[in-house]
PDB file of all heavy atoms in Angstrom:
ATOM      1  N   ASP A   1       0.874  -1.166  -0.001  1.00  0.00           N
ATOM      2  CA  ASP A   1      -0.001  -0.003   0.001  1.00  0.00           C
ATOM      3  C   ASP A   1       0.912   1.218   0.001  1.00  0.00           C
ATOM      4  O   ASP A   1       1.455   1.592   1.043  1.00  0.00           O
ATOM      5  CB  ASP A   1      -0.904  -0.025   1.232  1.00  0.00           C
ATOM      6  CG  ASP A   1      -1.941   1.093   1.231  1.00  0.00           C
ATOM      7  OD1 ASP A   1      -1.706   2.116   0.539  1.00  0.00           O
ATOM      8  OD2 ASP A   1      -2.954   0.957   1.926  1.00  0.00           O
ATOM      9  N   ASN A   2       1.097   1.813  -1.153  1.00  0.00           N
ATOM     10  CA  ASN A   2       2.027   2.941  -1.263  1.00  0.00           C
ATOM     11  C   ASN A   2       1.547   4.164  -0.483  1.00  0.00           C
ATOM     12  O   ASN A   2       2.345   4.985  -0.056  1.00  0.00           O
ATOM     13  CB  ASN A   2       2.264   3.293  -2.726  1.00  0.00           C
ATOM     14  CG  ASN A   2       3.161   2.281  -3.415  1.00  0.00           C
ATOM     15  OD1 ASN A   2       3.801   1.454  -2.764  1.00  0.00           O
ATOM     16  ND2 ASN A   2       3.197   2.310  -4.740  1.00  0.00           N
ATOM     17  N   ALA A   3       0.244   4.288  -0.299  1.00  0.00           N
ATOM     18  CA  ALA A   3      -0.276   5.413   0.478  1.00  0.00           C
ATOM     19  C   ALA A   3       0.095   5.283   1.951  1.00  0.00           C
ATOM     20  O   ALA A   3       0.193   6.276   2.667  1.00  0.00           O
ATOM     21  CB  ALA A   3      -1.786   5.496   0.332  1.00  0.00           C
ATOM     22  N   LYS A   4       0.306   4.049   2.403  1.00  0.00           N
ATOM     23  CA  LYS A   4       0.652   3.800   3.803  1.00  0.00           C
ATOM     24  C   LYS A   4       2.130   3.437   3.974  1.00  0.00           C
ATOM     25  O   LYS A   4       2.567   3.111   5.080  1.00  0.00           O
ATOM     26  CB  LYS A   4      -0.202   2.666   4.366  1.00  0.00           C
ATOM     27  CG  LYS A   4      -1.682   3.005   4.444  1.00  0.00           C
ATOM     28  CD  LYS A   4      -2.468   1.859   5.070  1.00  0.00           C
ATOM     29  CE  LYS A   4      -3.944   2.219   5.181  1.00  0.00           C
ATOM     30  NZ  LYS A   4      -4.742   1.117   5.792  1.00  0.00           N
ATOM     31  N   ASN A   5       2.890   3.476   2.879  1.00  0.00           N
ATOM     32  CA  ASN A   5       4.321   3.124   2.940  1.00  0.00           C
ATOM     33  C   ASN A   5       4.533   1.758   3.597  1.00  0.00           C
ATOM     34  O   ASN A   5       5.441   1.583   4.425  1.00  0.00           O
ATOM     35  CB  ASN A   5       5.108   4.179   3.713  1.00  0.00           C
ATOM     36  CG  ASN A   5       5.394   5.421   2.883  1.00  0.00           C
ATOM     37  OD1 ASN A   5       4.817   5.603   1.814  1.00  0.00           O
ATOM     38  ND2 ASN A   5       6.265   6.285   3.376  1.00  0.00           N
ATOM     39  N   THR A   6       3.725   0.803   3.225  1.00  0.00           N
ATOM     40  CA  THR A   6       3.766  -0.503   3.885  1.00  0.00           C
ATOM     41  C   THR A   6       3.686  -1.635   2.867  1.00  0.00           C
ATOM     42  O   THR A   6       2.937  -1.542   1.888  1.00  0.00           O
ATOM     43  CB  THR A   6       2.612  -0.635   4.897  1.00  0.00           C
ATOM     44  OG1 THR A   6       2.707   0.422   5.855  1.00  0.00           O
ATOM     45  CG2 THR A   6       2.683  -1.965   5.645  1.00  0.00           C
ATOM     46  N   VAL A   7       4.460  -2.659   3.129  1.00  0.00           N
ATOM     47  CA  VAL A   7       4.397  -3.888   2.350  1.00  0.00           C
ATOM     48  C   VAL A   7       3.994  -5.007   3.289  1.00  0.00           C
ATOM     49  O   VAL A   7       4.354  -5.012   4.464  1.00  0.00           O
ATOM     50  CB  VAL A   7       5.732  -4.184   1.640  1.00  0.00           C
ATOM     51  CG1 VAL A   7       6.864  -4.394   2.630  1.00  0.00           C
ATOM     52  CG2 VAL A   7       5.602  -5.380   0.697  1.00  0.00           C
ATOM     53  N   TYR A   8       3.218  -5.957   2.764  1.00  0.00           N
ATOM     54  CA  TYR A   8       2.678  -7.034   3.572  1.00  0.00           C
ATOM     55  C   TYR A   8       3.100  -8.394   3.016  1.00  0.00           C
ATOM     56  O   TYR A   8       3.361  -8.544   1.822  1.00  0.00           O
ATOM     57  CB  TYR A   8       1.145  -6.973   3.592  1.00  0.00           C
ATOM     58  CG  TYR A   8       0.587  -5.651   4.031  1.00  0.00           C
ATOM     59  CD1 TYR A   8       0.197  -4.691   3.093  1.00  0.00           C
ATOM     60  CD2 TYR A   8       0.446  -5.345   5.379  1.00  0.00           C
ATOM     61  CE1 TYR A   8      -0.325  -3.472   3.488  1.00  0.00           C
ATOM     62  CE2 TYR A   8      -0.075  -4.119   5.785  1.00  0.00           C
ATOM     63  CZ  TYR A   8      -0.454  -3.191   4.838  1.00  0.00           C
ATOM     64  OH  TYR A   8      -0.957  -1.980   5.247  1.00  0.00           O
ATOM     65  N   LEU A   9       3.097  -9.371   3.898  1.00  0.00           N
ATOM     66  CA  LEU A   9       3.285 -10.750   3.475  1.00  0.00           C
ATOM     67  C   LEU A   9       2.237 -11.590   4.206  1.00  0.00           C
ATOM     68  O   LEU A   9       2.346 -11.801   5.419  1.00  0.00           O
ATOM     69  CB  LEU A   9       4.686 -11.263   3.793  1.00  0.00           C
ATOM     70  CG  LEU A   9       4.998 -12.663   3.260  1.00  0.00           C
ATOM     71  CD1 LEU A   9       5.042 -12.649   1.723  1.00  0.00           C
ATOM     72  CD2 LEU A   9       6.319 -13.190   3.823  1.00  0.00           C
ATOM     73  N   GLN A  10       1.220 -12.004   3.473  1.00  0.00           N
ATOM     74  CA  GLN A  10       0.199 -12.876   4.033  1.00  0.00           C
ATOM     75  C   GLN A  10       0.686 -14.312   3.882  1.00  0.00           C
ATOM     76  O   GLN A  10       0.950 -14.762   2.763  1.00  0.00           O
ATOM     77  CB  GLN A  10      -1.130 -12.687   3.307  1.00  0.00           C
ATOM     78  CG  GLN A  10      -2.232 -13.602   3.774  1.00  0.00           C
ATOM     79  CD  GLN A  10      -2.669 -13.311   5.201  1.00  0.00           C
ATOM     80  OE1 GLN A  10      -2.834 -12.156   5.580  1.00  0.00           O
ATOM     81  NE2 GLN A  10      -2.839 -14.374   5.997  1.00  0.00           N
ATOM     82  N   MET A  11       0.778 -15.013   5.009  1.00  0.00           N
ATOM     83  CA  MET A  11       1.307 -16.370   5.005  1.00  0.00           C
ATOM     84  C   MET A  11       0.222 -17.326   5.488  1.00  0.00           C
ATOM     85  O   MET A  11      -0.229 -17.233   6.631  1.00  0.00           O
ATOM     86  CB  MET A  11       2.538 -16.463   5.904  1.00  0.00           C
ATOM     87  CG  MET A  11       3.621 -15.457   5.559  1.00  0.00           C
ATOM     88  SD  MET A  11       5.131 -15.674   6.522  1.00  0.00           S
ATOM     89  CE  MET A  11       4.527 -15.297   8.162  1.00  0.00           C
ATOM     90  N   ASN A  12      -0.192 -18.213   4.602  1.00  0.00           N
ATOM     91  CA  ASN A  12      -1.221 -19.201   4.920  1.00  0.00           C
ATOM     92  C   ASN A  12      -0.637 -20.596   4.858  1.00  0.00           C
ATOM     93  O   ASN A  12       0.428 -20.813   4.293  1.00  0.00           O
ATOM     94  CB  ASN A  12      -2.387 -19.077   3.939  1.00  0.00           C
ATOM     95  CG  ASN A  12      -3.067 -17.724   3.991  1.00  0.00           C
ATOM     96  OD1 ASN A  12      -3.138 -17.080   5.039  1.00  0.00           O
ATOM     97  ND2 ASN A  12      -3.593 -17.289   2.853  1.00  0.00           N
ATOM     98  N   SER A  13      -1.351 -21.542   5.430  1.00  0.00           N
ATOM     99  CA  SER A  13      -0.922 -22.951   5.413  1.00  0.00           C
ATOM    100  C   SER A  13       0.535 -23.092   5.843  1.00  0.00           C
ATOM    101  O   SER A  13       1.330 -23.768   5.194  1.00  0.00           O
ATOM    102  CB  SER A  13      -1.121 -23.543   4.004  1.00  0.00           C
ATOM    103  OG  SER A  13      -2.464 -23.443   3.600  1.00  0.00           O
ATOM    104  N   LEU A  14       0.847 -22.460   6.938  1.00  0.00           N
ATOM    105  CA  LEU A  14       2.234 -22.443   7.400  1.00  0.00           C
ATOM    106  C   LEU A  14       2.714 -23.829   7.798  1.00  0.00           C
ATOM    107  O   LEU A  14       1.950 -24.659   8.308  1.00  0.00           O
ATOM    108  CB  LEU A  14       2.382 -21.474   8.572  1.00  0.00           C
ATOM    109  CG  LEU A  14       2.426 -19.999   8.149  1.00  0.00           C
ATOM    110  CD1 LEU A  14       2.109 -19.091   9.319  1.00  0.00           C
ATOM    111  CD2 LEU A  14       3.776 -19.659   7.553  1.00  0.00           C
ATOM    112  N   LYS A  15       3.990 -24.045   7.546  1.00  0.00           N
ATOM    113  CA  LYS A  15       4.636 -25.326   7.837  1.00  0.00           C
ATOM    114  C   LYS A  15       5.794 -25.096   8.802  1.00  0.00           C
ATOM    115  O   LYS A  15       6.356 -23.989   8.839  1.00  0.00           O
ATOM    116  CB  LYS A  15       5.178 -25.940   6.546  1.00  0.00           C
ATOM    117  CG  LYS A  15       4.154 -26.107   5.442  1.00  0.00           C
ATOM    118  CD  LYS A  15       4.831 -26.603   4.167  1.00  0.00           C
ATOM    119  CE  LYS A  15       3.827 -26.764   3.039  1.00  0.00           C
ATOM    120  NZ  LYS A  15       4.481 -27.241   1.785  1.00  0.00           N
ATOM    121  N   PRO A  16       6.198 -26.107   9.540  1.00  0.00           N
ATOM    122  CA  PRO A  16       7.350 -25.933  10.444  1.00  0.00           C
ATOM    123  C   PRO A  16       8.592 -25.446   9.711  1.00  0.00           C
ATOM    124  O   PRO A  16       9.387 -24.684  10.295  1.00  0.00           O
ATOM    125  CB  PRO A  16       7.548 -27.341  11.020  1.00  0.00           C
ATOM    126  CG  PRO A  16       6.183 -27.936  11.001  1.00  0.00           C
ATOM    127  CD  PRO A  16       5.543 -27.412   9.743  1.00  0.00           C
ATOM    128  N   GLU A  17       8.771 -25.831   8.468  1.00  0.00           N
ATOM    129  CA  GLU A  17       9.943 -25.382   7.714  1.00  0.00           C
ATOM    130  C   GLU A  17       9.883 -23.911   7.321  1.00  0.00           C
ATOM    131  O   GLU A  17      10.850 -23.383   6.772  1.00  0.00           O
ATOM    132  CB  GLU A  17      10.151 -26.255   6.463  1.00  0.00           C
ATOM    133  CG  GLU A  17       8.935 -26.415   5.597  1.00  0.00           C
ATOM    134  CD  GLU A  17       8.177 -27.702   5.882  1.00  0.00           C
ATOM    135  OE1 GLU A  17       8.013 -28.051   7.078  1.00  0.00           O
ATOM    136  OE2 GLU A  17       7.743 -28.356   4.909  1.00  0.00           O
ATOM    137  N   ASP A  18       8.770 -23.242   7.593  1.00  0.00           N
ATOM    138  CA  ASP A  18       8.692 -21.794   7.385  1.00  0.00           C
ATOM    139  C   ASP A  18       9.269 -21.017   8.566  1.00  0.00           C
ATOM    140  O   ASP A  18       9.371 -19.790   8.516  1.00  0.00           O
ATOM    141  CB  ASP A  18       7.243 -21.354   7.170  1.00  0.00           C
ATOM    142  CG  ASP A  18       6.647 -21.906   5.889  1.00  0.00           C
ATOM    143  OD1 ASP A  18       7.348 -21.912   4.860  1.00  0.00           O
ATOM    144  OD2 ASP A  18       5.475 -22.334   5.917  1.00  0.00           O
ATOM    145  N   THR A  19       9.625 -21.730   9.626  1.00  0.00           N
ATOM    146  CA  THR A  19      10.213 -21.076  10.795  1.00  0.00           C
ATOM    147  C   THR A  19      11.516 -20.387  10.422  1.00  0.00           C
ATOM    148  O   THR A  19      12.423 -20.993   9.855  1.00  0.00           O
ATOM    149  CB  THR A  19      10.465 -22.114  11.901  1.00  0.00           C
ATOM    150  OG1 THR A  19       9.217 -22.640  12.346  1.00  0.00           O
ATOM    151  CG2 THR A  19      11.209 -21.479  13.074  1.00  0.00           C
ATOM    152  N   ALA A  20      11.579 -19.091  10.719  1.00  0.00           N
ATOM    153  CA  ALA A  20      12.750 -18.287  10.354  1.00  0.00           C
ATOM    154  C   ALA A  20      12.560 -16.863  10.848  1.00  0.00           C
ATOM    155  O   ALA A  20      11.475 -16.490  11.302  1.00  0.00           O
ATOM    156  CB  ALA A  20      12.941 -18.280   8.833  1.00  0.00           C
ATOM    157  N   ILE A  21      13.619 -16.096  10.736  1.00  0.00           N
ATOM    158  CA  ILE A  21      13.508 -14.643  10.878  1.00  0.00           C
ATOM    159  C   ILE A  21      13.202 -14.094   9.491  1.00  0.00           C
ATOM    160  O   ILE A  21      13.914 -14.406   8.529  1.00  0.00           O
ATOM    161  CB  ILE A  21      14.795 -14.023  11.441  1.00  0.00           C
ATOM    162  CG1 ILE A  21      15.098 -14.603  12.821  1.00  0.00           C
ATOM    163  CG2 ILE A  21      14.653 -12.505  11.517  1.00  0.00           C
ATOM    164  CD1 ILE A  21      16.427 -14.138  13.388  1.00  0.00           C
ATOM    165  N   TYR A  22      12.166 -13.288   9.410  1.00  0.00           N
ATOM    166  CA  TYR A  22      11.736 -12.723   8.139  1.00  0.00           C
ATOM    167  C   TYR A  22      12.158 -11.259   8.063  1.00  0.00           C
ATOM    168  O   TYR A  22      11.898 -10.482   8.990  1.00  0.00           O
ATOM    169  CB  TYR A  22      10.225 -12.845   7.982  1.00  0.00           C
ATOM    170  CG  TYR A  22       9.803 -14.248   7.608  1.00  0.00           C
ATOM    171  CD1 TYR A  22       9.875 -15.285   8.537  1.00  0.00           C
ATOM    172  CD2 TYR A  22       9.349 -14.551   6.325  1.00  0.00           C
ATOM    173  CE1 TYR A  22       9.505 -16.580   8.196  1.00  0.00           C
ATOM    174  CE2 TYR A  22       8.976 -15.843   5.972  1.00  0.00           C
ATOM    175  CZ  TYR A  22       9.059 -16.846   6.916  1.00  0.00           C
ATOM    176  OH  TYR A  22       8.696 -18.126   6.576  1.00  0.00           O
ATOM    177  N   TYR A  23      12.790 -10.916   6.950  1.00  0.00           N
ATOM    178  CA  TYR A  23      13.289  -9.561   6.724  1.00  0.00           C
ATOM    179  C   TYR A  23      12.611  -8.953   5.503  1.00  0.00           C
ATOM    180  O   TYR A  23      12.438  -9.629   4.487  1.00  0.00           O
ATOM    181  CB  TYR A  23      14.789  -9.586   6.453  1.00  0.00           C
ATOM    182  CG  TYR A  23      15.635 -10.159   7.551  1.00  0.00           C
ATOM    183  CD1 TYR A  23      15.947 -11.513   7.590  1.00  0.00           C
ATOM    184  CD2 TYR A  23      16.156  -9.336   8.559  1.00  0.00           C
ATOM    185  CE1 TYR A  23      16.736 -12.047   8.601  1.00  0.00           C
ATOM    186  CE2 TYR A  23      16.947  -9.861   9.571  1.00  0.00           C
ATOM    187  CZ  TYR A  23      17.227 -11.208   9.585  1.00  0.00           C
ATOM    188  OH  TYR A  23      18.009 -11.727  10.584  1.00  0.00           O
ATOM    189  N   CYS A  24      12.273  -7.688   5.608  1.00  0.00           N
ATOM    190  CA  CYS A  24      11.867  -6.982   4.394  1.00  0.00           C
ATOM    191  C   CYS A  24      13.039  -6.134   3.913  1.00  0.00           C
ATOM    192  O   CYS A  24      13.927  -5.770   4.703  1.00  0.00           O
ATOM    193  CB  CYS A  24      10.611  -6.141   4.607  1.00  0.00           C
ATOM    194  SG  CYS A  24      10.823  -4.664   5.605  1.00  0.00           S
ATOM    195  N   ALA A  25      13.025  -5.839   2.635  1.00  0.00           N
ATOM    196  CA  ALA A  25      14.127  -5.114   2.022  1.00  0.00           C
ATOM    197  C   ALA A  25      13.609  -4.246   0.885  1.00  0.00           C
ATOM    198  O   ALA A  25      12.571  -4.557   0.274  1.00  0.00           O
ATOM    199  CB  ALA A  25      15.173  -6.094   1.498  1.00  0.00           C
ATOM    200  N   ALA A  26      14.328  -3.165   0.604  1.00  0.00           N
ATOM    201  CA  ALA A  26      13.930  -2.208  -0.417  1.00  0.00           C
ATOM    202  C   ALA A  26      14.991  -2.114  -1.506  1.00  0.00           C
ATOM    203  O   ALA A  26      16.190  -2.021  -1.215  1.00  0.00           O
ATOM    204  CB  ALA A  26      13.700  -0.835   0.208  1.00  0.00           C
ATOM    205  N   GLN A  27      14.542  -2.123  -2.742  1.00  0.00           N
ATOM    206  CA  GLN A  27      15.414  -2.062  -3.921  1.00  0.00           C
ATOM    207  C   GLN A  27      14.975  -0.876  -4.776  1.00  0.00           C
ATOM    208  O   GLN A  27      13.875  -0.887  -5.331  1.00  0.00           O
ATOM    209  CB  GLN A  27      15.323  -3.360  -4.725  1.00  0.00           C
ATOM    210  CG  GLN A  27      16.125  -3.380  -5.993  1.00  0.00           C
ATOM    211  CD  GLN A  27      15.978  -4.686  -6.767  1.00  0.00           C
ATOM    212  OE1 GLN A  27      16.033  -4.719  -7.978  1.00  0.00           O
ATOM    213  NE2 GLN A  27      15.762  -5.803  -6.074  1.00  0.00           N
TER     214      GLN A  27
END
């Protein structure tokens, strides 16, 4: 949402192998 300066990551059907530290980054 560029008006809110925010990026989202909706994560469904999560698995144990999704366990991690999640980082966002800008390019």
